[in-house]
Amino acid sequence: MSHTISDKKALLARVRRIAGQVAALERALEAEDDCGAILQQVASIRGATQGLMSKLVEGHVREHVAVHSQDAARELEPVLEILRGYLK
């Protein structure tokens, strides 16, 4: 079973939150809100999409790369930590 299927509910919840943030950004732009508020909204969207990417990459690595042994899974943990830090 794919990790995107097993985590479907949580992933969809993240995507829906991102969609709400994008809709709020669109409204802010149309309303000609303060540029600082718009930049903050863009930064929030970026963080949310990077969080989603982090979850997807981690699930992919765990399911498709480290499937053959516990040793491989343990050895990948430092790599996943680096990826989590990079994607923040």
C-alpha atoms as a PDB file:
ATOM      1  CA  MET A   1       0.000   0.000   0.000  1.00  0.00           C
ATOM      2  CA  SER A   2       1.335   3.406  -0.921  1.00  0.00           C
ATOM      3  CA  HIS A   3       2.155   5.790   1.904  1.00  0.00           C
ATOM      4  CA  THR A   4      -0.083   8.406   0.261  1.00  0.00           C
ATOM      5  CA  ILE A   5      -3.015   6.023   0.585  1.00  0.00           C
ATOM      6  CA  SER A   6      -2.320   5.105   4.199  1.00  0.00           C
ATOM      7  CA  ASP A   7      -1.858   8.797   5.138  1.00  0.00           C
ATOM      8  CA  LYS A   8      -4.615  10.011   2.817  1.00  0.00           C
ATOM      9  CA  LYS A   9      -6.773  11.692   5.462  1.00  0.00           C
ATOM     10  CA  ALA A  10      -3.900  13.678   6.992  1.00  0.00           C
ATOM     11  CA  LEU A  11      -2.453  14.624   3.608  1.00  0.00           C
ATOM     12  CA  LEU A  12      -5.817  15.833   2.336  1.00  0.00           C
ATOM     13  CA  ALA A  13      -6.289  17.890   5.495  1.00  0.00           C
ATOM     14  CA  ARG A  14      -2.938  19.595   4.837  1.00  0.00           C
ATOM     15  CA  VAL A  15      -3.848  20.247   1.203  1.00  0.00           C
ATOM     16  CA  ARG A  16      -7.194  21.729   2.212  1.00  0.00           C
ATOM     17  CA  ARG A  17      -5.503  24.055   4.717  1.00  0.00           C
ATOM     18  CA  ILE A  18      -3.099  25.168   1.999  1.00  0.00           C
ATOM     19  CA  ALA A  19      -6.042  25.785  -0.349  1.00  0.00           C
ATOM     20  CA  GLY A  20      -7.639  27.955   2.331  1.00  0.00           C
ATOM     21  CA  GLN A  21      -4.423  29.915   2.723  1.00  0.00           C
ATOM     22  CA  VAL A  22      -4.191  30.457  -1.037  1.00  0.00           C
ATOM     23  CA  ALA A  23      -7.807  31.637  -1.135  1.00  0.00           C
ATOM     24  CA  ALA A  24      -7.056  34.101   1.680  1.00  0.00           C
ATOM     25  CA  LEU A  25      -4.030  35.341  -0.257  1.00  0.00           C
ATOM     26  CA  GLU A  26      -6.167  35.895  -3.337  1.00  0.00           C
ATOM     27  CA  ARG A  27      -8.682  37.873  -1.286  1.00  0.00           C
ATOM     28  CA  ALA A  28      -5.900  39.956   0.258  1.00  0.00           C
ATOM     29  CA  LEU A  29      -4.481  40.781  -3.160  1.00  0.00           C
ATOM     30  CA  GLU A  30      -7.885  41.690  -4.553  1.00  0.00           C
ATOM     31  CA  ALA A  31      -8.563  43.892  -1.525  1.00  0.00           C
ATOM     32  CA  GLU A  32      -5.161  45.559  -1.990  1.00  0.00           C
ATOM     33  CA  ASP A  33      -4.178  44.718   1.586  1.00  0.00           C
ATOM     34  CA  ASP A  34      -0.905  45.902   3.096  1.00  0.00           C
ATOM     35  CA  CYS A  35       2.117  44.328   1.410  1.00  0.00           C
ATOM     36  CA  GLY A  36       3.466  43.140   4.771  1.00  0.00           C
ATOM     37  CA  ALA A  37       0.324  41.102   5.391  1.00  0.00           C
ATOM     38  CA  ILE A  38       0.509  39.670   1.876  1.00  0.00           C
ATOM     39  CA  LEU A  39       4.152  38.701   2.314  1.00  0.00           C
ATOM     40  CA  GLN A  40       3.303  37.005   5.611  1.00  0.00           C
ATOM     41  CA  GLN A  41       0.554  35.024   3.903  1.00  0.00           C
ATOM     42  CA  VAL A  42       2.931  33.923   1.135  1.00  0.00           C
ATOM     43  CA  ALA A  43       5.494  32.852   3.753  1.00  0.00           C
ATOM     44  CA  SER A  44       2.795  30.837   5.551  1.00  0.00           C
ATOM     45  CA  ILE A  45       1.819  29.109   2.319  1.00  0.00           C
ATOM     46  CA  ARG A  46       5.442  28.339   1.568  1.00  0.00           C
ATOM     47  CA  GLY A  47       5.912  26.792   5.023  1.00  0.00           C
ATOM     48  CA  ALA A  48       2.762  24.723   4.636  1.00  0.00           C
ATOM     49  CA  THR A  49       3.783  23.378   1.222  1.00  0.00           C
ATOM     50  CA  GLN A  50       7.276  22.601   2.475  1.00  0.00           C
ATOM     51  CA  GLY A  51       5.759  20.709   5.405  1.00  0.00           C
ATOM     52  CA  LEU A  52       3.632  18.717   2.982  1.00  0.00           C
ATOM     53  CA  MET A  53       6.677  18.017   0.815  1.00  0.00           C
ATOM     54  CA  SER A  54       8.619  16.872   3.864  1.00  0.00           C
ATOM     55  CA  LYS A  55       5.901  14.387   4.855  1.00  0.00           C
ATOM     56  CA  LEU A  56       5.654  13.045   1.297  1.00  0.00           C
ATOM     57  CA  VAL A  57       9.414  12.663   0.856  1.00  0.00           C
ATOM     58  CA  GLU A  58       9.799  10.974   4.240  1.00  0.00           C
ATOM     59  CA  GLY A  59       6.969   8.557   3.494  1.00  0.00           C
ATOM     60  CA  HIS A  60       8.424   7.817   0.076  1.00  0.00           C
ATOM     61  CA  VAL A  61      11.888   7.132   1.456  1.00  0.00           C
ATOM     62  CA  ARG A  62      10.558   4.933   4.253  1.00  0.00           C
ATOM     63  CA  GLU A  63       8.288   2.913   1.958  1.00  0.00           C
ATOM     64  CA  HIS A  64      10.277   2.658  -1.250  1.00  0.00           C
ATOM     65  CA  VAL A  65      13.928   2.976  -0.222  1.00  0.00           C
ATOM     66  CA  ALA A  66      14.240   1.434   3.243  1.00  0.00           C
ATOM     67  CA  VAL A  67      11.967  -1.542   2.710  1.00  0.00           C
ATOM     68  CA  HIS A  68      14.584  -4.262   2.679  1.00  0.00           C
ATOM     69  CA  SER A  69      15.994  -4.189   6.179  1.00  0.00           C
ATOM     70  CA  GLN A  70      15.846  -2.546   9.579  1.00  0.00           C
ATOM     71  CA  ASP A  71      19.513  -1.592   9.145  1.00  0.00           C
ATOM     72  CA  ALA A  72      18.661   0.418   6.039  1.00  0.00           C
ATOM     73  CA  ALA A  73      15.823   2.144   7.878  1.00  0.00           C
ATOM     74  CA  ARG A  74      18.142   3.067  10.778  1.00  0.00           C
ATOM     75  CA  GLU A  75      20.836   4.311   8.422  1.00  0.00           C
ATOM     76  CA  LEU A  76      18.334   6.526   6.627  1.00  0.00           C
ATOM     77  CA  GLU A  77      17.270   8.309   9.807  1.00  0.00           C
ATOM     78  CA  PRO A  78      20.143  10.868   9.708  1.00  0.00           C
ATOM     79  CA  VAL A  79      19.336  11.542   6.051  1.00  0.00           C
ATOM     80  CA  LEU A  80      15.678  12.130   6.908  1.00  0.00           C
ATOM     81  CA  GLU A  81      16.700  14.531   9.690  1.00  0.00           C
ATOM     82  CA  ILE A  82      18.741  16.542   7.197  1.00  0.00           C
ATOM     83  CA  LEU A  83      15.842  16.589   4.743  1.00  0.00           C
ATOM     84  CA  ARG A  84      13.431  17.743   7.451  1.00  0.00           C
ATOM     85  CA  GLY A  85      15.779  20.608   8.323  1.00  0.00           C
ATOM     86  CA  TYR A  86      16.301  21.543   4.700  1.00  0.00           C
ATOM     87  CA  LEU A  87      12.588  21.583   3.901  1.00  0.00           C
ATOM     88  CA  LYS A  88      11.638  23.817   6.845  1.00  0.00           C
END
